Amino acid sequence: MSSSQTQPGRIQQAPEDFLDATRMRAARRARRSFMGKALAFGAGATAAGSGRAQAKGDPNILNLPAHTTGLGQPVTARVYGLPSKWERNLQRRESPGLTRVGASSVSFAPLQGLFGIITPNGLHFERHHQGWWDIDPSKHRLMVHGLVRESRVFTMDDLQRMPAVSRIHFIECGANTGMEWGNVAVPTVQYSHGMLSCCEYTGVLLSTLLDVVGADTKTGRYVLAEGADGSSMTRTIDMDRALDDVMVAWAMNGEMLRPENGYPLRLVVPGVQGVSWVKYLRRIEVGDKPFDTKDEVVHYIDLMPDGIHRQFTSIQEVKSVITSPSGGQTLLDRGYYNVTGLAWSGRGRIKRVDVSVDGGRNWRTARLESPTLPKALTRFNIDWVWDGGPAILQSRAIDETGHVQPKISQLRAVRGTRSIYHNNAIQSWRVAPSGEVSNVQVY
């Protein structure tokens, strides 16, 4: 293998990662020409090339910058830390045209720019049905009632004095990748898979609260969770799950929940679609049958090919996606690339991830980076040398229960093309000889 083949290649990020609207339009007009890209991307392309700056005569080495010769900011300049200004374009983004009302919309996490498995609080995806609120925790209450020995109302202070647990789990909206059911719809992984995040949650197990109120766990086979926002989001959870790993959480990644993530209290239902992770949690009711709420019988259901709606399909099945190289990015050089991505399953741990660079004809097993936790994101990596020819990158995850991530054709054979929710098909990214990476579907 020649040294040019082993030389690490450079990736030019997708335009929305670092350009404003004007520069995005300029970049698109110039995309057919590499020189045009360099002119349109300006500092972006220059920064990409600077990774191979020559030491001899490089002013960035020879001339001492201000930060080496001057006095920096004092320790209290920012009493709450912020990202560097050079990273300000890595942000949550709302998909244009997805909804007409911003208070009932989605902002997507920038998966292409994240590392490891933990999502920073400020980049966690959002899904609201009637906007977010910053609720006074001193006035917030959680009522637990129904088929219980004694109904109770808990304050935040009451809850935070109970035995606490901290656990890492992913949360995925049931509609994640939903726009891709019929055909390719969006260009980048942020929009195709960005209704996904993974955090460490701290709170009290729901089983602890049910024990405190003396819940009837034999007759009471279900619990209802209700939120305090204007949509009064309500979801049914079966008792077996409620007694297993469901949490009533007040903290995320070591700090209190952010308002857009349900402050001061939310439900954490590991492995289950995000709509069941009720934000602004105010009520838990124990009942003897499913509650059939509006968001269970009308929304978050699967439209089957025969026209029947399939309900209560809440588990997020095994899934993975390559985040780099991915749609909207450009490979600038032939040579070595680290192909990286995320895998997850609502049924437990990820056991294996295979990667293909030829559209699924041949597969190699990727490295799973630790930790590999149940119902959490798992980071995978694999080495790839791009020879400048066309390629189609895919990842296929297998979980510890033996479930295998399906091809889109396999999924459509059972589910049809009119669904919105629970699309866990293999994602394909086409690499053109020009290095441009685009979203495609391989059947």
Protein backbone atom coordinates (compact mmCIF):
# COMPACT_ATOMS: atom_id res chain seq x y z
CA MET A 1 0.00 0.00 0.00
CA SER A 2 1.49 3.36 -1.03
CA SER A 3 2.02 6.21 1.41
CA SER A 4 -0.58 8.26 -0.46
CA GLN A 5 -3.18 5.59 0.31
CA THR A 6 -2.41 5.61 4.02
CA GLN A 7 -2.29 9.41 4.24
CA PRO A 8 -5.32 10.53 6.31
CA GLY A 9 -7.91 12.20 4.11
CA ARG A 10 -9.73 15.43 4.85
CA ILE A 11 -13.49 15.92 5.08
CA GLN A 12 -15.22 19.14 4.20
CA GLN A 13 -18.27 19.43 6.42
CA ALA A 14 -21.82 19.91 5.16
CA PRO A 15 -22.59 23.58 4.40
CA GLU A 16 -25.17 24.02 7.16
CA ASP A 17 -22.52 23.07 9.69
CA PHE A 18 -20.61 26.30 9.27
CA LEU A 19 -22.16 28.64 6.71
CA ASP A 20 -24.89 31.25 6.83
CA ALA A 21 -27.70 31.26 4.26
CA THR A 22 -25.87 33.55 1.80
CA ARG A 23 -22.69 31.46 1.80
CA MET A 24 -24.73 28.26 1.56
CA ARG A 25 -26.30 29.49 -1.68
CA ALA A 26 -22.89 30.46 -3.02
CA ALA A 27 -21.49 27.06 -2.10
CA ARG A 28 -24.30 25.23 -3.87
CA ARG A 29 -23.81 27.27 -7.06
CA ALA A 30 -20.12 26.37 -7.05
CA ARG A 31 -20.37 22.75 -5.97
CA ARG A 32 -19.51 21.27 -9.37
CA SER A 33 -16.04 22.76 -9.26
CA PHE A 34 -13.51 22.04 -6.55
CA MET A 35 -11.98 25.48 -7.11
CA GLY A 36 -15.47 26.91 -6.93
CA LYS A 37 -15.93 25.20 -3.57
CA ALA A 38 -12.71 26.70 -2.32
CA LEU A 39 -13.88 30.17 -3.31
CA ALA A 40 -17.39 29.71 -1.97
CA PHE A 41 -16.40 28.16 1.31
CA GLY A 42 -13.66 30.75 1.83
CA ALA A 43 -12.25 30.35 5.30
CA GLY A 44 -13.89 26.94 5.61
CA ALA A 45 -11.87 25.47 2.76
CA THR A 46 -8.74 27.22 3.93
CA ALA A 47 -9.19 25.75 7.38
CA ALA A 48 -9.61 22.28 5.89
CA GLY A 49 -6.39 22.63 3.95
CA SER A 50 -4.47 23.97 6.92
CA GLY A 51 -4.42 20.49 8.42
CA ARG A 52 -1.40 19.84 6.21
CA ALA A 53 0.33 23.18 6.67
CA GLN A 54 4.06 23.07 6.05
CA ALA A 55 6.05 23.70 9.19
CA LYS A 56 8.77 25.58 7.32
CA GLY A 57 7.74 29.20 7.00
CA ASP A 58 4.29 28.70 8.55
CA PRO A 59 3.41 32.00 10.26
CA ASN A 60 1.13 30.15 12.68
CA ILE A 61 4.27 28.55 14.13
CA LEU A 62 6.84 31.32 13.62
CA ASN A 63 4.75 34.22 14.95
CA LEU A 64 3.51 34.05 18.53
CA PRO A 65 -0.23 34.80 18.67
CA ALA A 66 -1.92 37.10 21.18
CA HIS A 67 -3.08 34.20 23.32
CA THR A 68 0.56 33.25 23.92
CA THR A 69 1.80 36.75 24.74
CA GLY A 70 -1.19 38.30 26.49
CA LEU A 71 -3.38 37.88 29.56
CA GLY A 72 -6.47 35.70 29.12
CA GLN A 73 -10.00 36.02 30.48
CA PRO A 74 -10.54 35.88 34.26
CA VAL A 75 -12.02 32.77 35.87
CA THR A 76 -15.45 34.38 36.37
CA ALA A 77 -15.78 35.88 32.88
CA ARG A 78 -18.42 33.22 32.25
CA VAL A 79 -20.15 31.96 35.34
CA TYR A 80 -21.78 29.30 33.16
CA GLY A 81 -19.52 27.81 30.49
CA LEU A 82 -20.22 28.17 26.77
CA PRO A 83 -18.79 26.49 23.67
CA SER A 84 -16.01 28.23 21.77
CA LYS A 85 -17.17 30.86 19.30
CA TRP A 86 -15.42 28.78 16.62
CA GLU A 87 -17.98 26.01 17.23
CA ARG A 88 -21.07 28.22 17.14
CA ASN A 89 -22.36 26.75 13.88
CA LEU A 90 -22.72 23.29 15.37
CA GLN A 91 -26.26 23.64 16.66
CA ARG A 92 -29.73 22.17 16.72
CA ARG A 93 -31.62 22.99 13.56
CA GLU A 94 -35.30 22.98 12.69
CA SER A 95 -36.22 21.29 9.44
CA PRO A 96 -37.76 23.86 7.08
CA GLY A 97 -41.36 23.09 6.21
CA LEU A 98 -41.76 20.24 8.70
CA THR A 99 -44.40 22.09 10.71
CA ARG A 100 -46.08 25.46 10.41
CA VAL A 101 -46.01 26.27 14.11
CA GLY A 102 -42.67 26.57 15.90
CA ALA A 103 -44.21 25.62 19.26
CA SER A 104 -45.18 22.25 17.77
CA SER A 105 -42.02 21.28 15.98
CA VAL A 106 -38.65 19.54 16.11
CA SER A 107 -35.05 20.65 16.35
CA PHE A 108 -32.50 18.07 15.23
CA ALA A 109 -29.25 17.19 17.03
CA PRO A 110 -26.10 17.62 14.87
CA LEU A 111 -24.99 13.99 14.98
CA GLN A 112 -22.30 14.62 12.35
CA GLY A 113 -20.34 16.83 14.75
CA LEU A 114 -20.65 14.88 18.01
CA PHE A 115 -18.10 12.55 19.60
CA GLY A 116 -18.52 9.48 21.81
CA ILE A 117 -22.09 8.68 22.90
CA ILE A 118 -23.15 11.52 25.21
CA THR A 119 -25.17 14.39 23.74
CA PRO A 120 -24.38 17.81 25.24
CA ASN A 121 -27.41 19.33 26.94
CA GLY A 122 -27.42 22.32 24.62
CA LEU A 123 -27.52 20.08 21.51
CA HIS A 124 -30.12 17.54 22.70
CA PHE A 125 -32.89 17.31 20.11
CA GLU A 126 -36.26 18.89 20.90
CA ARG A 127 -39.81 17.78 20.17
CA HIS A 128 -42.65 19.89 21.49
CA HIS A 129 -46.38 19.61 20.96
CA GLN A 130 -47.26 23.01 22.41
CA GLY A 131 -43.99 24.76 23.15
CA TRP A 132 -41.64 24.59 26.13
CA TRP A 133 -41.90 26.21 29.54
CA ASP A 134 -39.53 27.18 32.33
CA ILE A 135 -41.56 25.99 35.33
CA ASP A 136 -40.97 27.13 38.92
CA PRO A 137 -39.76 23.95 40.66
CA SER A 138 -40.99 25.16 44.05
CA LYS A 139 -44.56 25.07 42.73
CA HIS A 140 -44.32 21.92 40.64
CA ARG A 141 -46.07 18.81 41.97
CA LEU A 142 -46.27 15.13 40.98
CA MET A 143 -49.42 13.24 41.92
CA VAL A 144 -49.47 9.43 42.01
CA HIS A 145 -52.93 7.91 42.30
CA GLY A 146 -55.39 5.36 40.89
CA LEU A 147 -55.17 1.73 41.98
CA VAL A 148 -52.96 2.51 44.96
CA ARG A 149 -53.21 2.10 48.73
CA GLU A 150 -52.74 5.83 49.34
CA SER A 151 -52.62 8.63 46.77
CA ARG A 152 -49.68 10.98 47.24
CA VAL A 153 -48.57 14.38 45.99
CA PHE A 154 -44.79 14.85 45.82
CA THR A 155 -42.86 18.10 45.74
CA MET A 156 -39.51 18.35 44.00
CA ASP A 157 -37.89 18.36 47.44
CA ASP A 158 -39.71 15.15 48.33
CA LEU A 159 -38.47 13.44 45.18
CA GLN A 160 -34.87 14.58 45.49
CA ARG A 161 -34.62 13.18 49.01
CA MET A 162 -35.49 9.68 47.75
CA PRO A 163 -32.93 7.03 46.72
CA ALA A 164 -31.50 8.30 43.43
CA VAL A 165 -30.03 6.42 40.47
CA SER A 166 -28.02 7.64 37.46
CA ARG A 167 -28.17 5.78 34.16
CA ILE A 168 -27.18 6.40 30.53
CA HIS A 169 -29.88 5.86 27.91
CA PHE A 170 -30.73 6.98 24.39
CA ILE A 171 -33.96 8.73 23.49
CA GLU A 172 -35.29 8.60 19.92
CA CYS A 173 -38.47 10.12 18.56
CA GLY A 174 -40.72 7.52 16.96
CA ALA A 175 -40.74 9.70 13.82
CA ASN A 176 -36.94 9.75 13.49
CA THR A 177 -36.03 8.93 9.86
CA GLY A 178 -39.78 9.05 9.14
CA MET A 179 -39.33 11.38 6.18
CA GLU A 180 -37.37 8.62 4.40
CA TRP A 181 -40.18 6.05 4.27
CA GLY A 182 -41.21 6.82 0.70
CA ASN A 183 -37.90 7.98 -0.76
CA VAL A 184 -34.84 10.11 -0.04
CA ALA A 185 -36.14 13.31 1.54
CA VAL A 186 -33.33 15.11 3.38
CA PRO A 187 -29.63 15.61 2.60
CA THR A 188 -27.77 15.20 5.89
CA VAL A 189 -27.65 12.90 8.91
CA GLN A 190 -28.72 15.77 11.15
CA TYR A 191 -32.11 15.83 9.43
CA SER A 192 -32.44 12.11 8.67
CA HIS A 193 -31.48 10.79 12.13
CA GLY A 194 -31.13 13.84 14.38
CA MET A 195 -34.20 13.18 16.54
CA LEU A 196 -31.83 11.10 18.65
CA SER A 197 -29.80 11.86 21.77
CA CYS A 198 -28.12 9.99 24.63
CA CYS A 199 -27.57 11.30 28.14
CA GLU A 200 -26.97 10.33 31.74
CA TYR A 201 -30.21 10.79 33.64
CA THR A 202 -30.52 11.10 37.41
CA GLY A 203 -33.75 10.57 39.31
CA VAL A 204 -35.78 8.08 41.29
CA LEU A 205 -37.03 4.79 39.87
CA LEU A 206 -40.75 4.79 39.19
CA SER A 207 -40.91 1.45 41.00
CA THR A 208 -39.80 3.25 44.17
CA LEU A 209 -42.69 5.72 43.92
CA LEU A 210 -45.18 2.95 43.18
CA ASP A 211 -43.95 1.10 46.24
CA VAL A 212 -44.35 4.21 48.41
CA VAL A 213 -48.01 4.65 47.41
CA GLY A 214 -48.74 0.91 47.60
CA ALA A 215 -49.62 0.40 43.94
CA ASP A 216 -51.73 -2.66 43.13
CA THR A 217 -49.33 -4.27 40.65
CA LYS A 218 -51.58 -7.26 39.97
CA THR A 219 -54.87 -5.56 39.07
CA GLY A 220 -53.06 -2.41 38.02
CA ARG A 221 -51.41 -3.57 34.82
CA TYR A 222 -50.72 -0.11 33.37
CA VAL A 223 -49.70 3.38 34.40
CA LEU A 224 -50.60 6.67 32.75
CA ALA A 225 -48.05 9.49 32.63
CA GLU A 226 -49.27 13.05 32.09
CA GLY A 227 -47.31 16.23 31.41
CA ALA A 228 -48.02 19.76 32.59
CA ASP A 229 -47.61 21.60 29.27
CA GLY A 230 -50.50 22.84 27.14
CA SER A 231 -50.72 19.63 25.13
CA SER A 232 -51.33 17.57 28.30
CA MET A 233 -49.26 14.80 26.76
CA THR A 234 -50.45 11.47 28.19
CA ARG A 235 -48.99 8.02 27.53
CA THR A 236 -49.73 4.49 28.71
CA ILE A 237 -46.86 2.33 30.01
CA ASP A 238 -47.29 -1.32 30.94
CA MET A 239 -46.67 -2.23 34.56
CA ASP A 240 -43.84 -4.67 33.85
CA ARG A 241 -41.85 -1.88 32.23
CA ALA A 242 -42.82 0.61 34.94
CA LEU A 243 -41.40 -1.73 37.57
CA ASP A 244 -38.23 -2.37 35.58
CA ASP A 245 -36.08 0.60 34.51
CA VAL A 246 -38.45 3.58 34.14
CA MET A 247 -37.21 6.68 35.98
CA VAL A 248 -38.71 9.94 37.17
CA ALA A 249 -35.75 12.19 36.38
CA TRP A 250 -34.80 15.72 37.37
CA ALA A 251 -31.21 15.83 36.12
CA MET A 252 -29.42 15.23 32.82
CA ASN A 253 -25.65 15.00 32.32
CA GLY A 254 -24.92 16.12 35.85
CA GLU A 255 -27.15 19.20 35.98
CA MET A 256 -30.85 19.88 36.32
CA LEU A 257 -32.91 19.25 33.20
CA ARG A 258 -33.02 22.10 30.72
CA PRO A 259 -36.47 23.71 30.25
CA GLU A 260 -36.71 22.43 26.67
CA ASN A 261 -36.05 18.91 27.96
CA GLY A 262 -38.80 18.90 30.57
CA TYR A 263 -37.53 20.88 33.58
CA PRO A 264 -38.10 20.32 36.40
CA LEU A 265 -39.27 16.69 35.98
CA ARG A 266 -39.64 14.18 33.20
CA LEU A 267 -40.19 10.49 32.68
CA VAL A 268 -37.37 8.34 31.29
CA VAL A 269 -38.62 5.17 29.59
CA PRO A 270 -35.51 3.38 28.27
CA GLY A 271 -35.84 1.76 24.85
CA VAL A 272 -39.26 3.27 24.16
CA GLN A 273 -40.04 6.04 21.67
CA GLY A 274 -39.49 9.54 22.98
CA VAL A 275 -43.14 10.56 23.14
CA SER A 276 -43.51 8.28 26.18
CA TRP A 277 -40.74 10.19 27.98
CA VAL A 278 -43.33 12.67 29.19
CA LYS A 279 -41.87 16.12 29.95
CA TYR A 280 -43.02 18.43 32.78
CA LEU A 281 -44.34 15.29 34.48
CA ARG A 282 -47.21 16.06 36.87
CA ARG A 283 -49.31 12.91 37.20
CA ILE A 284 -48.96 9.11 37.35
CA GLU A 285 -52.16 7.06 37.44
CA VAL A 286 -52.30 3.29 37.97
CA GLY A 287 -55.05 1.54 35.98
CA ASP A 288 -56.20 -1.91 34.91
CA LYS A 289 -56.18 -1.35 31.12
CA PRO A 290 -54.53 0.86 28.48
CA PHE A 291 -55.79 4.43 28.67
CA ASP A 292 -56.06 4.89 24.86
CA THR A 293 -55.13 8.56 24.91
CA LYS A 294 -55.23 10.76 21.80
CA ASP A 295 -51.50 10.36 21.18
CA GLU A 296 -51.85 6.57 21.32
CA VAL A 297 -54.87 6.01 19.08
CA VAL A 298 -54.39 8.80 16.53
CA HIS A 299 -50.68 9.63 16.59
CA TYR A 300 -47.51 7.52 16.90
CA ILE A 301 -49.20 4.54 15.27
CA ASP A 302 -48.12 2.55 12.22
CA LEU A 303 -50.19 2.66 9.05
CA MET A 304 -49.94 -0.81 7.54
CA PRO A 305 -50.32 -1.60 3.79
CA ASP A 306 -53.88 -2.91 4.31
CA GLY A 307 -54.95 0.39 5.89
CA ILE A 308 -54.98 -0.93 9.46
CA HIS A 309 -53.38 1.19 12.15
CA ARG A 310 -51.04 -0.75 14.42
CA GLN A 311 -50.99 0.70 17.94
CA PHE A 312 -48.65 0.50 20.94
CA THR A 313 -45.56 -0.28 18.86
CA SER A 314 -43.39 1.75 21.16
CA ILE A 315 -40.05 -0.10 21.31
CA GLN A 316 -37.32 1.49 19.20
CA GLU A 317 -35.87 -1.42 17.24
CA VAL A 318 -32.18 -2.00 16.50
CA LYS A 319 -30.73 0.75 14.33
CA SER A 320 -27.47 2.41 13.30
CA VAL A 321 -26.16 5.20 11.11
CA ILE A 322 -22.77 6.32 9.85
CA THR A 323 -22.26 9.92 10.94
CA SER A 324 -18.97 10.54 9.10
CA PRO A 325 -18.55 10.47 6.18
CA SER A 326 -22.23 11.31 5.71
CA GLY A 327 -24.54 13.30 3.49
CA GLY A 328 -23.53 16.84 2.61
CA GLN A 329 -19.86 16.24 3.42
CA THR A 330 -17.08 16.04 0.83
CA LEU A 331 -13.96 13.86 0.83
CA LEU A 332 -11.14 16.08 -0.38
CA ASP A 333 -8.41 13.44 -0.75
CA ARG A 334 -7.88 9.82 -1.58
CA GLY A 335 -6.52 7.85 1.34
CA TYR A 336 -7.40 6.75 4.84
CA TYR A 337 -10.67 7.64 6.56
CA ASN A 338 -12.07 6.64 9.92
CA VAL A 339 -15.68 5.69 9.27
CA THR A 340 -17.64 6.34 12.45
CA GLY A 341 -21.24 6.16 13.58
CA LEU A 342 -23.79 5.26 16.23
CA ALA A 343 -25.82 2.13 16.93
CA TRP A 344 -28.65 1.55 19.41
CA SER A 345 -31.50 -0.79 20.32
CA GLY A 346 -34.50 -0.49 22.58
CA ARG A 347 -34.14 -4.18 23.40
CA GLY A 348 -30.72 -4.03 25.07
CA ARG A 349 -27.04 -3.84 24.15
CA ILE A 350 -25.55 -3.65 20.69
CA LYS A 351 -23.72 -6.90 19.96
CA ARG A 352 -22.14 -6.13 16.58
CA VAL A 353 -22.06 -3.54 13.81
CA ASP A 354 -21.05 -4.43 10.25
CA VAL A 355 -20.01 -1.83 7.69
CA SER A 356 -20.13 -2.04 3.90
CA VAL A 357 -18.54 0.32 1.38
CA ASP A 358 -20.09 -1.31 -1.70
CA GLY A 359 -23.81 -1.05 -1.02
CA GLY A 360 -24.16 -4.21 1.03
CA ARG A 361 -22.38 -6.76 -1.16
CA ASN A 362 -19.53 -7.19 1.32
CA TRP A 363 -19.42 -6.45 5.04
CA ARG A 364 -16.69 -5.98 7.64
CA THR A 365 -17.16 -5.92 11.40
CA ALA A 366 -16.56 -2.54 13.03
CA ARG A 367 -14.94 -1.82 16.39
CA LEU A 368 -17.41 -1.13 19.19
CA GLU A 369 -16.02 1.54 21.47
CA SER A 370 -16.66 1.28 25.19
CA PRO A 371 -18.90 1.62 27.03
CA THR A 372 -21.49 -0.65 25.42
CA LEU A 373 -24.55 -0.17 27.64
CA PRO A 374 -28.12 -1.47 27.42
CA LYS A 375 -30.55 0.90 25.69
CA ALA A 376 -27.79 3.44 25.09
CA LEU A 377 -25.93 4.67 22.04
CA THR A 378 -22.83 2.70 21.06
CA ARG A 379 -20.07 4.34 19.04
CA PHE A 380 -18.47 2.26 16.27
CA ASN A 381 -15.40 2.89 14.10
CA ILE A 382 -13.79 1.15 11.16
CA ASP A 383 -10.79 1.91 8.91
CA TRP A 384 -11.37 2.62 5.23
CA VAL A 385 -9.02 3.62 2.41
CA TRP A 386 -10.84 5.51 -0.32
CA ASP A 387 -9.30 5.01 -3.75
CA GLY A 388 -11.22 7.84 -5.39
CA GLY A 389 -13.87 5.60 -6.93
CA PRO A 390 -17.63 5.51 -6.25
CA ALA A 391 -18.71 3.91 -2.99
CA ILE A 392 -21.87 3.37 -0.96
CA LEU A 393 -21.38 3.36 2.81
CA GLN A 394 -23.78 1.42 5.03
CA SER A 395 -23.90 0.16 8.61
CA ARG A 396 -25.94 -2.76 9.94
CA ALA A 397 -26.44 -3.27 13.67
CA ILE A 398 -27.28 -6.47 15.54
CA ASP A 399 -28.44 -6.37 19.17
CA GLU A 400 -28.01 -8.90 21.97
CA THR A 401 -31.47 -10.38 21.32
CA GLY A 402 -30.46 -11.31 17.76
CA HIS A 403 -32.50 -8.63 16.01
CA VAL A 404 -30.80 -7.45 12.80
CA GLN A 405 -31.28 -4.01 11.31
CA PRO A 406 -33.27 -4.48 8.05
CA LYS A 407 -32.80 -3.09 4.55
CA ILE A 408 -35.40 -0.54 3.47
CA SER A 409 -36.85 -3.08 1.01
CA GLN A 410 -37.31 -5.63 3.80
CA LEU A 411 -39.04 -3.07 5.98
CA ARG A 412 -41.33 -1.88 3.18
CA ALA A 413 -42.31 -5.47 2.36
CA VAL A 414 -43.98 -5.62 5.79
CA ARG A 415 -44.86 -2.00 6.51
CA GLY A 416 -45.45 -0.46 3.07
CA THR A 417 -44.44 3.10 2.20
CA ARG A 418 -47.10 5.22 3.94
CA SER A 419 -45.79 5.02 7.48
CA ILE A 420 -44.33 7.87 9.47
CA TYR A 421 -42.99 6.13 12.55
CA HIS A 422 -40.42 3.48 13.51
CA ASN A 423 -38.18 3.44 10.45
CA ASN A 424 -35.04 1.54 11.47
CA ALA A 425 -33.81 0.71 7.95
CA ILE A 426 -30.15 0.62 6.93
CA GLN A 427 -28.97 4.08 5.84
CA SER A 428 -26.91 4.46 2.66
CA TRP A 429 -24.49 7.28 1.82
CA ARG A 430 -23.13 7.49 -1.75
CA VAL A 431 -19.58 8.75 -2.23
CA ALA A 432 -19.11 10.10 -5.76
CA PRO A 433 -15.69 10.17 -7.50
CA SER A 434 -15.73 13.93 -6.81
CA GLY A 435 -15.82 13.11 -3.09
CA GLU A 436 -19.31 14.49 -2.57
CA VAL A 437 -21.42 12.40 -0.17
CA SER A 438 -25.18 12.19 -0.69
CA ASN A 439 -28.20 10.40 0.72
CA VAL A 440 -29.41 7.46 -1.37
CA GLN A 441 -31.58 4.40 -0.88
CA VAL A 442 -30.35 0.93 -1.85
CA TYR A 443 -33.02 -1.72 -2.29
